[in-house]
Amino acid sequence: MKRSNLRRIAGLGVILTAVGTLVVGGALEASAAATGTVKTAGDPLNVRRAPTTSATAVRTVANGAAVTIDCQINGASVTGPYGTGTLWDYVPALGGYISDTYVYTGQDTRVAPDCGVGSGSGQCADACAGEAQYRASDSHFLVYDKNADGYSAVVAYWLKGGAGPFYVWNSGGEGSSVDKAVSVPRGGWVFYKVCVANYTTGKPDLKSCSDGITDFAA
C-alpha cells in the first residue's frame, strides 16, 4: 500500500492544525512549523539525538502523542506505519528527532522547514561514538561519547565572521558527557560539526565529521 493511502486511512477521525501556513506552490515559509500525531503499533517511540537509529535514544514518546515539528531533515532510512523514508522530524519539546514514518501530519510531503538553523544536535558520521548538542538558551555545548572506539568526541565550531575553528572535547571515554559554556553573543550564530579525533592541544585531525549545523544564541 502506498504511503499516501496509509496517510489517508490513518487520518480518519484525526484533526490536526498546522502552525504556520503554506505559501502558493507548496513552499514553506521560513517560520512555519507543524503538528503531528505519533503512530506506532502501541509501543513508545524512541526520540533520537540525531536523525539515525544508531544515535542515542534521549527519551521516548507515547503512541498517540501530539508533537510540534520545528523542522525536518533527511537521515537514515526507516520503515514505519507510513511506509519507508529518510525524513526525520525535529521536536524541540522532546529534545531530538523522530522518524516521519511514525508521524501522521496530514501531508505526504514536508510540512516544516529544513533543519539547519536551530536543529539542535548531531552525530558524527559512520560508526563512531561522538554526539553533541548546542543549548541556545545559555550557549553551552554538550558533548557525548557513546562507546569506546579509541577516539575522543569533539565539536569543532566557528563564529560569525568565520572565527575558528574552536573545539570542545570529551576525552572522558565511553558513556561520558561534557557540558561547556562557549562565548557566543546573544543573537549571534554558531556553526559546528560533530567529529572524533585523538585529543591534542593543537589542531586535531578530525575524523567522521557530521554535516555542519547552524544555530543561534538565544
Protein backbone atom coordinates (compact mmCIF):
# COMPACT_ATOMS: atom_id res chain seq x y z
CA MET A 1 0.00 0.00 0.00
CA LYS A 2 1.31 3.43 -0.89
CA ARG A 3 2.33 5.86 1.83
CA SER A 4 -0.29 8.39 0.65
CA ASN A 5 -3.07 5.83 1.12
CA LEU A 6 -1.75 4.96 4.56
CA ARG A 7 -1.81 8.64 5.48
CA ARG A 8 -5.45 8.96 4.48
CA ILE A 9 -6.52 5.78 6.25
CA ALA A 10 -4.71 6.66 9.46
CA GLY A 11 -6.11 10.17 9.29
CA LEU A 12 -9.75 9.17 9.61
CA GLY A 13 -11.13 10.81 12.69
CA VAL A 14 -7.89 12.72 13.38
CA ILE A 15 -7.95 16.50 13.23
CA LEU A 16 -4.61 18.29 13.10
CA THR A 17 -3.95 22.04 13.00
CA ALA A 18 -0.85 23.34 11.19
CA VAL A 19 1.18 26.00 12.96
CA GLY A 20 2.16 28.43 10.20
CA THR A 21 0.83 28.40 6.66
CA LEU A 22 1.87 27.11 3.25
CA VAL A 23 2.55 29.67 0.58
CA VAL A 24 1.36 29.33 -3.02
CA GLY A 25 3.01 26.43 -4.83
CA GLY A 26 3.52 24.34 -1.68
CA ALA A 27 6.71 26.02 -0.45
CA LEU A 28 7.03 26.60 3.28
CA GLU A 29 7.54 29.90 4.98
CA ALA A 30 10.79 30.04 6.91
CA SER A 31 8.98 30.37 10.22
CA ALA A 32 6.48 27.58 9.61
CA ALA A 33 6.18 24.64 11.96
CA ALA A 34 3.60 21.88 12.04
CA THR A 35 1.84 19.49 14.34
CA GLY A 36 1.62 15.74 14.04
CA THR A 37 0.46 12.65 15.90
CA VAL A 38 2.79 9.76 16.75
CA LYS A 39 1.56 6.43 15.39
CA THR A 40 3.11 3.11 16.44
CA ALA A 41 1.80 -0.40 16.99
CA GLY A 42 1.32 0.64 20.61
CA ASP A 43 4.84 0.79 21.98
CA PRO A 44 6.54 4.12 22.77
CA LEU A 45 8.70 5.60 20.00
CA ASN A 46 12.37 6.38 20.60
CA VAL A 47 13.44 10.01 20.29
CA ARG A 48 16.99 10.17 18.89
CA ARG A 49 19.70 12.76 19.46
CA ALA A 50 20.46 12.71 15.71
CA PRO A 51 18.37 11.61 12.69
CA THR A 52 19.52 8.00 12.64
CA THR A 53 18.55 4.86 14.51
CA SER A 54 22.17 4.45 15.66
CA ALA A 55 22.02 7.69 17.65
CA THR A 56 21.30 7.66 21.38
CA ALA A 57 17.65 7.49 22.39
CA VAL A 58 17.24 10.53 24.64
CA ARG A 59 13.71 9.58 25.67
CA THR A 60 10.52 8.01 24.31
CA VAL A 61 7.20 9.45 23.20
CA ALA A 62 3.88 7.63 23.56
CA ASN A 63 1.74 6.30 20.74
CA GLY A 64 -0.95 8.88 20.03
CA ALA A 65 1.01 11.81 21.44
CA ALA A 66 0.69 15.17 19.68
CA VAL A 67 4.03 16.74 18.68
CA THR A 68 5.10 20.09 17.28
CA ILE A 69 7.63 19.71 14.48
CA ASP A 70 10.14 22.57 14.29
CA CYS A 71 11.96 21.39 11.15
CA GLN A 72 12.66 18.29 9.04
CA ILE A 73 15.85 16.72 7.73
CA ASN A 74 16.92 13.67 5.70
CA GLY A 75 18.66 10.98 7.71
CA ALA A 76 18.74 7.20 7.99
CA SER A 77 16.08 5.18 6.19
CA VAL A 78 13.34 3.84 8.47
CA THR A 79 10.25 1.73 7.85
CA GLY A 80 7.22 2.67 9.93
CA PRO A 81 3.41 2.73 9.75
CA TYR A 82 3.57 5.32 6.94
CA GLY A 83 6.00 3.48 4.70
CA THR A 84 9.77 3.66 4.25
CA GLY A 85 11.53 7.01 4.17
CA THR A 86 14.54 9.07 5.18
CA LEU A 87 12.68 12.13 6.51
CA TRP A 88 13.05 12.90 10.23
CA ASP A 89 11.18 15.44 12.36
CA TYR A 90 12.93 17.59 14.96
CA VAL A 91 10.66 18.11 18.00
CA PRO A 92 12.17 20.67 20.43
CA ALA A 93 9.88 19.67 23.30
CA LEU A 94 11.30 16.14 23.09
CA GLY A 95 14.91 17.24 22.62
CA GLY A 96 15.53 15.21 19.50
CA TYR A 97 14.38 13.60 16.26
CA ILE A 98 11.69 11.06 15.39
CA SER A 99 11.25 9.32 12.06
CA ASP A 100 8.49 10.92 9.98
CA THR A 101 7.34 7.42 9.02
CA TYR A 102 5.86 7.24 12.53
CA VAL A 103 4.10 10.62 12.43
CA TYR A 104 0.70 11.47 10.97
CA THR A 105 0.86 15.03 9.61
CA GLY A 106 -1.98 15.06 7.10
CA GLN A 107 0.52 15.52 4.26
CA ASP A 108 2.61 13.20 2.11
CA THR A 109 5.33 15.83 1.70
CA ARG A 110 7.39 18.01 4.03
CA VAL A 111 5.35 20.04 6.48
CA ALA A 112 8.10 22.11 8.15
CA PRO A 113 11.27 23.95 7.03
CA ASP A 114 14.58 22.21 6.51
CA CYS A 115 16.62 21.82 9.67
CA GLY A 116 19.89 23.69 9.73
CA VAL A 117 19.17 26.70 11.92
CA GLY A 118 18.17 25.70 15.40
CA SER A 119 18.22 22.00 14.60
CA GLY A 120 19.79 21.36 17.96
CA SER A 121 22.04 18.31 17.75
CA GLY A 122 24.06 15.95 15.62
CA GLN A 123 26.08 12.75 15.47
CA CYS A 124 29.42 12.09 13.83
CA ALA A 125 29.27 10.16 10.57
CA ASP A 126 29.90 6.43 10.14
CA ALA A 127 30.01 4.05 13.11
CA CYS A 128 31.57 6.45 15.60
CA ALA A 129 30.79 7.48 19.14
CA GLY A 130 30.52 11.28 19.10
CA GLU A 131 27.26 13.13 19.64
CA ALA A 132 26.71 16.74 20.60
CA GLN A 133 24.06 19.33 21.27
CA TYR A 134 24.15 23.13 21.33
CA ARG A 135 21.94 24.63 24.05
CA ALA A 136 20.93 28.02 22.73
CA SER A 137 19.36 29.29 25.96
CA ASP A 138 22.73 29.69 27.71
CA SER A 139 25.22 28.96 24.88
CA HIS A 140 26.58 25.64 26.08
CA PHE A 141 27.85 22.65 24.12
CA LEU A 142 27.05 19.20 25.48
CA VAL A 143 29.41 16.61 24.00
CA TYR A 144 28.73 12.90 24.46
CA ASP A 145 30.91 9.83 23.92
CA LYS A 146 28.71 6.78 23.36
CA ASN A 147 31.25 3.99 23.35
CA ALA A 148 34.93 3.07 23.37
CA ASP A 149 36.17 3.50 19.81
CA GLY A 150 39.68 4.73 20.55
CA TYR A 151 38.89 8.39 19.81
CA SER A 152 37.63 11.38 21.76
CA ALA A 153 34.38 13.04 20.76
CA VAL A 154 34.91 16.66 19.72
CA VAL A 155 32.88 19.59 18.44
CA ALA A 156 34.59 21.96 16.01
CA TYR A 157 32.79 25.30 15.81
CA TRP A 158 33.05 28.66 14.07
CA LEU A 159 31.54 32.05 14.93
CA LYS A 160 30.22 34.98 12.89
CA GLY A 161 32.86 36.34 10.57
CA GLY A 162 34.50 32.92 10.27
CA ALA A 163 36.41 32.99 13.57
CA GLY A 164 37.53 29.47 14.45
CA PRO A 165 37.68 26.62 14.47
CA PHE A 166 37.38 26.30 18.22
CA TYR A 167 37.00 22.93 19.93
CA VAL A 168 35.02 21.38 22.75
CA TRP A 169 36.45 17.98 23.73
CA ASN A 170 35.06 15.00 25.52
CA SER A 171 38.02 12.74 26.23
CA GLY A 172 36.35 11.01 29.17
CA GLY A 173 35.57 7.83 27.30
CA GLU A 174 32.58 5.56 26.99
CA GLY A 175 29.28 6.85 28.34
CA SER A 176 30.65 10.23 29.47
CA SER A 177 29.50 13.75 28.70
CA VAL A 178 30.95 17.25 28.87
CA ASP A 179 28.95 20.45 29.38
CA LYS A 180 30.91 23.58 28.41
CA ALA A 181 29.91 27.23 28.05
CA VAL A 182 31.09 28.93 24.85
CA SER A 183 31.17 32.65 24.14
CA VAL A 184 28.53 33.46 21.54
CA PRO A 185 26.88 36.91 21.69
CA ARG A 186 23.11 36.89 22.13
CA GLY A 187 21.56 36.59 18.69
CA GLY A 188 24.91 35.55 17.22
CA TRP A 189 25.32 32.39 15.20
CA VAL A 190 27.49 29.35 15.73
CA PHE A 191 28.29 26.77 13.04
CA TYR A 192 29.53 23.39 14.23
CA LYS A 193 30.37 19.84 13.29
CA VAL A 194 30.44 16.74 15.48
CA CYS A 195 33.58 14.65 14.95
CA VAL A 196 36.01 12.26 16.61
CA ALA A 197 39.78 12.70 16.91
CA ASN A 198 42.79 11.96 19.05
CA TYR A 199 42.91 14.58 21.79
CA THR A 200 45.51 17.31 21.25
CA THR A 201 46.09 20.88 22.34
CA GLY A 202 47.00 21.71 18.73
CA LYS A 203 44.98 21.39 15.56
CA PRO A 204 43.33 17.95 15.59
CA ASP A 205 42.97 15.55 12.70
CA LEU A 206 39.16 15.46 12.65
CA LYS A 207 37.52 12.24 11.52
CA SER A 208 33.97 11.18 10.60
CA CYS A 209 32.53 14.70 10.95
CA SER A 210 28.81 15.26 10.72
CA ASP A 211 27.29 17.71 8.28
CA GLY A 212 27.54 21.27 9.54
CA ILE A 213 24.80 22.57 11.83
CA THR A 214 23.99 26.26 12.33
CA ASP A 215 22.37 27.55 15.49
CA PHE A 216 21.86 30.87 17.29
CA ALA A 217 22.42 32.00 20.84
CA ALA A 218 19.04 32.94 22.29
